Every structure is written in C-alpha cells, then in structure tokens.
Amino acid sequence: MISCFPDPYPDELLYSICARYADRMQYPSKGFLSKELFGNTMTARIELPGYLNDLVTALPPGGYYTVDRLIDNHTLLPFYPHSAGFKPVGSISGKPPPGSGECAAVLRSN
C-alpha cells in the first residue's frame, strides 16, 4: 500500500502528481515507480493515463482518490468530447480493453 501519495493541486494532471511522488520517494528507475503505482512497467501517458483502478487500489481506502475523481479532475479526458474528431466509445472506470493498457483506447476518431 502506498501511504504517502501527495494530495493533488487543483486541476493538476495525474502525471504531475505521480512525478511529485517519484521525486519524494527517489525511485532508482521509472520502472519501479510504474510497478508500484500501476502494477506494471507501462509507459506513463500524460493526457490519458491507464490502469487507474490499480492505482486507486494501491492507495489507502477512503481517501481523496477514486477512479472517477481522477478521470474527471486529473486527466484531459473531460476535454476530449469538445475536440473535433473524437468521441467516447466505452467506460474507462474499469479495466482498459484487453491489450491496450490505456484509457485512450476508449476514444475513436469519427
């Protein structure tokens, strides 16, 4: 369990929150950080991170972080419906589509 994950600043992206956590913990590599936060050594995505349920599960229960709160307040997903050419095609609250590992897979161009 991750006990000292930083509280987010208003409108701060999850990528930045994770970067502050990595700086605080002084991880020897990005792979160790990714493994602890998301359960695998995926490449971090700034705009639409994946494996959010794994992250929330690793944090203490009953805290600020929920998957929905991360999506709504700390990713760029709320801006995508307003972008030309993209529309949501599925839920990102649960597991990402098999093999994708990213919530970006729930968007498709028109």
N, C-alpha and C. Protein backbone atom coordinates (compact mmCIF):
# COMPACT_ATOMS: atom_id res chain seq x y z
N MET A 1 0.84 -1.18 0.00
CA MET A 1 0.00 0.00 0.00
C MET A 1 0.89 1.24 0.00
N ILE A 2 0.48 2.22 -0.76
CA ILE A 2 1.20 3.49 -0.87
C ILE A 2 0.60 4.43 0.17
N SER A 3 1.41 4.85 1.13
CA SER A 3 0.85 5.63 2.23
C SER A 3 1.14 7.13 2.15
N CYS A 4 2.06 7.56 1.31
CA CYS A 4 2.40 8.99 1.29
C CYS A 4 2.27 9.60 -0.10
N PHE A 5 1.24 9.18 -0.84
CA PHE A 5 0.97 9.74 -2.16
C PHE A 5 0.50 11.18 -1.97
N PRO A 6 1.03 12.13 -2.74
CA PRO A 6 0.69 13.54 -2.50
C PRO A 6 -0.75 13.89 -2.81
N ASP A 7 -1.25 14.87 -2.08
CA ASP A 7 -2.56 15.42 -2.39
C ASP A 7 -2.44 16.26 -3.66
N PRO A 8 -3.43 16.19 -4.53
CA PRO A 8 -3.32 16.93 -5.79
C PRO A 8 -3.60 18.41 -5.61
N TYR A 9 -2.96 19.20 -6.44
CA TYR A 9 -3.31 20.61 -6.54
C TYR A 9 -4.55 20.70 -7.44
N PRO A 10 -5.33 21.77 -7.32
CA PRO A 10 -6.50 21.90 -8.21
C PRO A 10 -6.07 21.86 -9.67
N ASP A 11 -6.76 21.07 -10.45
CA ASP A 11 -6.51 20.94 -11.90
C ASP A 11 -5.14 20.37 -12.25
N GLU A 12 -4.47 19.74 -11.31
CA GLU A 12 -3.17 19.12 -11.59
C GLU A 12 -3.38 17.80 -12.30
N LEU A 13 -2.61 17.53 -13.33
CA LEU A 13 -2.71 16.25 -14.03
C LEU A 13 -2.13 15.13 -13.19
N LEU A 14 -2.67 13.93 -13.34
CA LEU A 14 -2.17 12.77 -12.62
C LEU A 14 -0.68 12.56 -12.88
N TYR A 15 -0.25 12.82 -14.09
CA TYR A 15 1.17 12.67 -14.44
C TYR A 15 2.04 13.52 -13.50
N SER A 16 1.61 14.73 -13.22
CA SER A 16 2.35 15.62 -12.33
C SER A 16 2.32 15.13 -10.89
N ILE A 17 1.18 14.63 -10.45
CA ILE A 17 1.07 14.08 -9.10
C ILE A 17 2.04 12.91 -8.94
N CYS A 18 2.08 12.04 -9.95
CA CYS A 18 3.00 10.88 -9.91
C CYS A 18 4.46 11.35 -9.93
N ALA A 19 4.74 12.41 -10.68
CA ALA A 19 6.10 12.94 -10.73
C ALA A 19 6.52 13.49 -9.37
N ARG A 20 5.61 14.16 -8.70
CA ARG A 20 5.93 14.66 -7.35
C ARG A 20 6.16 13.51 -6.38
N TYR A 21 5.37 12.44 -6.52
CA TYR A 21 5.55 11.26 -5.68
C TYR A 21 6.91 10.62 -5.96
N ALA A 22 7.28 10.49 -7.22
CA ALA A 22 8.57 9.90 -7.58
C ALA A 22 9.72 10.73 -7.02
N ASP A 23 9.59 12.05 -7.09
CA ASP A 23 10.63 12.93 -6.55
C ASP A 23 10.73 12.76 -5.03
N ARG A 24 9.60 12.66 -4.38
CA ARG A 24 9.57 12.48 -2.93
C ARG A 24 10.21 11.16 -2.52
N MET A 25 9.94 10.09 -3.27
CA MET A 25 10.40 8.76 -2.90
C MET A 25 11.78 8.41 -3.45
N GLN A 26 12.27 9.18 -4.42
CA GLN A 26 13.59 8.96 -5.02
C GLN A 26 13.77 7.54 -5.57
N TYR A 27 12.86 7.15 -6.45
CA TYR A 27 12.94 5.84 -7.08
C TYR A 27 14.18 5.76 -7.97
N PRO A 28 14.86 4.59 -8.00
CA PRO A 28 16.06 4.45 -8.83
C PRO A 28 15.74 4.38 -10.33
N SER A 29 14.50 4.03 -10.69
CA SER A 29 14.13 3.98 -12.10
C SER A 29 12.62 4.19 -12.25
N LYS A 30 12.22 4.59 -13.45
CA LYS A 30 10.79 4.79 -13.72
C LYS A 30 10.03 3.47 -13.67
N GLY A 31 10.72 2.37 -13.99
CA GLY A 31 10.07 1.07 -13.96
C GLY A 31 9.60 0.69 -12.57
N PHE A 32 10.40 0.98 -11.55
CA PHE A 32 9.99 0.69 -10.17
C PHE A 32 8.78 1.53 -9.77
N LEU A 33 8.79 2.79 -10.16
CA LEU A 33 7.67 3.67 -9.86
C LEU A 33 6.40 3.16 -10.52
N SER A 34 6.47 2.86 -11.79
CA SER A 34 5.31 2.38 -12.53
C SER A 34 4.77 1.08 -11.95
N LYS A 35 5.66 0.20 -11.57
CA LYS A 35 5.26 -1.09 -10.99
C LYS A 35 4.50 -0.88 -9.67
N GLU A 36 4.99 0.04 -8.84
CA GLU A 36 4.32 0.28 -7.57
C GLU A 36 2.97 0.98 -7.75
N LEU A 37 2.92 1.96 -8.64
CA LEU A 37 1.69 2.73 -8.80
C LEU A 37 0.62 2.01 -9.61
N PHE A 38 1.04 1.36 -10.70
CA PHE A 38 0.07 0.82 -11.65
C PHE A 38 0.12 -0.70 -11.81
N GLY A 39 1.05 -1.35 -11.11
CA GLY A 39 1.11 -2.81 -11.15
C GLY A 39 1.83 -3.37 -12.35
N ASN A 40 2.43 -2.53 -13.18
CA ASN A 40 3.19 -3.00 -14.33
C ASN A 40 4.19 -1.92 -14.73
N THR A 41 4.99 -2.21 -15.71
CA THR A 41 6.03 -1.25 -16.13
C THR A 41 5.63 -0.55 -17.42
N MET A 42 4.39 -0.13 -17.50
CA MET A 42 3.90 0.58 -18.68
C MET A 42 4.56 1.94 -18.82
N THR A 43 4.46 2.50 -19.98
CA THR A 43 4.94 3.85 -20.23
C THR A 43 3.85 4.83 -19.78
N ALA A 44 4.25 5.81 -19.00
CA ALA A 44 3.27 6.77 -18.49
C ALA A 44 2.74 7.65 -19.62
N ARG A 45 1.45 7.94 -19.55
CA ARG A 45 0.81 8.81 -20.53
C ARG A 45 0.37 10.08 -19.81
N ILE A 46 0.65 11.21 -20.39
CA ILE A 46 0.29 12.47 -19.76
C ILE A 46 -1.20 12.75 -19.91
N GLU A 47 -1.71 12.60 -21.12
CA GLU A 47 -3.08 13.03 -21.38
C GLU A 47 -4.14 12.05 -20.89
N LEU A 48 -3.97 10.77 -21.14
CA LEU A 48 -4.98 9.77 -20.76
C LEU A 48 -4.30 8.56 -20.13
N PRO A 49 -3.98 8.63 -18.85
CA PRO A 49 -3.30 7.50 -18.21
C PRO A 49 -4.22 6.30 -18.09
N GLY A 50 -3.63 5.13 -18.01
CA GLY A 50 -4.38 3.90 -17.85
C GLY A 50 -4.15 3.28 -16.48
N TYR A 51 -4.80 2.16 -16.25
CA TYR A 51 -4.64 1.39 -15.01
C TYR A 51 -4.98 2.21 -13.77
N LEU A 52 -5.97 3.07 -13.86
CA LEU A 52 -6.32 3.92 -12.73
C LEU A 52 -6.90 3.12 -11.58
N ASN A 53 -7.62 2.06 -11.88
CA ASN A 53 -8.17 1.23 -10.81
C ASN A 53 -7.05 0.59 -10.00
N ASP A 54 -5.98 0.17 -10.67
CA ASP A 54 -4.83 -0.41 -9.96
C ASP A 54 -4.20 0.62 -9.04
N LEU A 55 -4.08 1.86 -9.50
CA LEU A 55 -3.52 2.93 -8.67
C LEU A 55 -4.40 3.18 -7.45
N VAL A 56 -5.68 3.35 -7.64
CA VAL A 56 -6.59 3.63 -6.53
C VAL A 56 -6.58 2.48 -5.52
N THR A 57 -6.48 1.25 -6.01
CA THR A 57 -6.43 0.09 -5.12
C THR A 57 -5.17 0.09 -4.27
N ALA A 58 -4.06 0.62 -4.79
CA ALA A 58 -2.80 0.66 -4.05
C ALA A 58 -2.76 1.76 -3.00
N LEU A 59 -3.69 2.71 -3.06
CA LEU A 59 -3.73 3.81 -2.11
C LEU A 59 -4.62 3.44 -0.92
N PRO A 60 -4.44 4.12 0.21
CA PRO A 60 -5.28 3.81 1.38
C PRO A 60 -6.76 4.00 1.07
N PRO A 61 -7.61 3.09 1.54
CA PRO A 61 -9.04 3.20 1.26
C PRO A 61 -9.65 4.41 1.98
N GLY A 62 -10.69 4.96 1.37
CA GLY A 62 -11.42 6.05 1.98
C GLY A 62 -10.78 7.41 1.81
N GLY A 63 -9.73 7.50 1.01
CA GLY A 63 -9.06 8.79 0.80
C GLY A 63 -9.69 9.59 -0.31
N TYR A 64 -8.99 10.62 -0.74
CA TYR A 64 -9.46 11.52 -1.79
C TYR A 64 -9.64 10.80 -3.12
N TYR A 65 -8.74 9.89 -3.42
CA TYR A 65 -8.66 9.33 -4.77
C TYR A 65 -9.70 8.25 -5.03
N THR A 66 -10.45 8.45 -6.11
CA THR A 66 -11.32 7.43 -6.69
C THR A 66 -11.04 7.46 -8.19
N VAL A 67 -11.38 6.41 -8.89
CA VAL A 67 -11.16 6.38 -10.33
C VAL A 67 -11.92 7.52 -11.00
N ASP A 68 -13.16 7.71 -10.63
CA ASP A 68 -13.97 8.77 -11.24
C ASP A 68 -13.38 10.15 -10.96
N ARG A 69 -12.93 10.38 -9.74
CA ARG A 69 -12.35 11.68 -9.40
C ARG A 69 -11.07 11.92 -10.18
N LEU A 70 -10.24 10.88 -10.33
CA LEU A 70 -9.01 11.02 -11.13
C LEU A 70 -9.35 11.37 -12.58
N ILE A 71 -10.29 10.64 -13.15
CA ILE A 71 -10.67 10.87 -14.54
C ILE A 71 -11.22 12.28 -14.73
N ASP A 72 -12.13 12.67 -13.87
CA ASP A 72 -12.82 13.96 -14.03
C ASP A 72 -11.94 15.17 -13.72
N ASN A 73 -11.03 15.03 -12.75
CA ASN A 73 -10.29 16.19 -12.26
C ASN A 73 -8.80 16.20 -12.58
N HIS A 74 -8.25 15.05 -13.02
CA HIS A 74 -6.79 14.99 -13.14
C HIS A 74 -6.31 14.32 -14.43
N THR A 75 -7.19 14.23 -15.42
CA THR A 75 -6.81 13.80 -16.77
C THR A 75 -7.40 14.80 -17.76
N LEU A 76 -7.04 14.66 -19.00
CA LEU A 76 -7.58 15.53 -20.04
C LEU A 76 -8.85 14.98 -20.69
N LEU A 77 -9.32 13.83 -20.22
CA LEU A 77 -10.49 13.22 -20.83
C LEU A 77 -11.72 14.14 -20.87
N PRO A 78 -11.98 14.94 -19.84
CA PRO A 78 -13.17 15.81 -19.94
C PRO A 78 -13.11 16.79 -21.12
N PHE A 79 -11.94 17.06 -21.65
CA PHE A 79 -11.82 17.99 -22.78
C PHE A 79 -11.99 17.30 -24.14
N TYR A 80 -11.85 15.98 -24.19
CA TYR A 80 -11.90 15.28 -25.47
C TYR A 80 -13.24 15.34 -26.16
N PRO A 81 -14.38 15.26 -25.47
CA PRO A 81 -15.65 15.37 -26.20
C PRO A 81 -15.80 16.69 -26.94
N HIS A 82 -15.08 17.70 -26.50
CA HIS A 82 -15.15 19.01 -27.14
C HIS A 82 -14.17 19.14 -28.30
N SER A 83 -13.30 18.14 -28.46
CA SER A 83 -12.33 18.17 -29.54
C SER A 83 -12.95 17.58 -30.79
N ALA A 84 -12.71 18.18 -31.90
CA ALA A 84 -13.25 17.67 -33.16
C ALA A 84 -12.65 16.31 -33.47
N GLY A 85 -13.48 15.39 -33.87
CA GLY A 85 -13.00 14.11 -34.34
C GLY A 85 -12.90 13.01 -33.30
N PHE A 86 -13.24 13.25 -32.05
CA PHE A 86 -13.16 12.20 -31.04
C PHE A 86 -14.48 12.11 -30.29
N LYS A 87 -14.83 10.89 -29.94
CA LYS A 87 -15.99 10.69 -29.08
C LYS A 87 -15.75 9.47 -28.21
N PRO A 88 -16.28 9.48 -26.97
CA PRO A 88 -16.13 8.32 -26.10
C PRO A 88 -16.89 7.12 -26.66
N VAL A 89 -16.30 5.95 -26.53
CA VAL A 89 -16.97 4.74 -27.01
C VAL A 89 -17.07 3.67 -25.94
N GLY A 90 -16.66 3.97 -24.73
CA GLY A 90 -16.75 2.98 -23.67
C GLY A 90 -16.34 3.59 -22.34
N SER A 91 -16.47 2.81 -21.30
CA SER A 91 -16.15 3.27 -19.96
C SER A 91 -14.67 3.10 -19.67
N ILE A 92 -14.07 4.06 -18.98
CA ILE A 92 -12.68 3.90 -18.58
C ILE A 92 -12.57 3.71 -17.07
N SER A 93 -13.71 3.62 -16.39
CA SER A 93 -13.66 3.45 -14.96
C SER A 93 -13.13 2.08 -14.55
N GLY A 94 -13.41 1.09 -15.33
CA GLY A 94 -12.95 -0.25 -15.02
C GLY A 94 -11.65 -0.58 -15.71
N LYS A 95 -11.49 -1.83 -16.07
CA LYS A 95 -10.27 -2.25 -16.76
C LYS A 95 -10.26 -1.73 -18.18
N PRO A 96 -9.07 -1.36 -18.66
CA PRO A 96 -8.99 -0.95 -20.06
C PRO A 96 -9.22 -2.15 -20.98
N PRO A 97 -9.53 -1.91 -22.23
CA PRO A 97 -9.74 -3.01 -23.16
C PRO A 97 -8.50 -3.92 -23.21
N PRO A 98 -8.69 -5.22 -23.40
CA PRO A 98 -7.56 -6.15 -23.40
C PRO A 98 -6.47 -5.71 -24.38
N GLY A 99 -5.24 -5.73 -23.88
CA GLY A 99 -4.10 -5.42 -24.73
C GLY A 99 -3.81 -3.94 -24.88
N SER A 100 -4.71 -3.07 -24.42
CA SER A 100 -4.48 -1.64 -24.62
C SER A 100 -3.72 -1.03 -23.45
N GLY A 101 -4.12 -1.35 -22.24
CA GLY A 101 -3.48 -0.80 -21.08
C GLY A 101 -3.70 0.69 -20.90
N GLU A 102 -4.49 1.30 -21.74
CA GLU A 102 -4.65 2.75 -21.71
C GLU A 102 -6.13 3.10 -21.85
N CYS A 103 -6.52 4.19 -21.22
CA CYS A 103 -7.90 4.63 -21.40
C CYS A 103 -8.07 5.31 -22.75
N ALA A 104 -6.98 5.63 -23.44
CA ALA A 104 -7.09 6.24 -24.76
C ALA A 104 -7.80 5.30 -25.73
N ALA A 105 -7.82 4.02 -25.42
CA ALA A 105 -8.46 3.06 -26.30
C ALA A 105 -9.97 3.24 -26.32
N VAL A 106 -10.53 3.97 -25.37
CA VAL A 106 -11.98 4.16 -25.37
C VAL A 106 -12.40 5.35 -26.22
N LEU A 107 -11.46 5.99 -26.88
CA LEU A 107 -11.78 7.08 -27.79
C LEU A 107 -11.53 6.62 -29.20
N ARG A 108 -12.36 7.05 -30.12
CA ARG A 108 -12.09 6.74 -31.51
C ARG A 108 -12.40 7.96 -32.35
N SER A 109 -11.71 8.08 -33.43
CA SER A 109 -11.97 9.24 -34.29
C SER A 109 -13.23 8.98 -35.09
N ASN A 110 -13.94 10.04 -35.40
CA ASN A 110 -15.17 9.93 -36.19
C ASN A 110 -14.85 9.63 -37.64
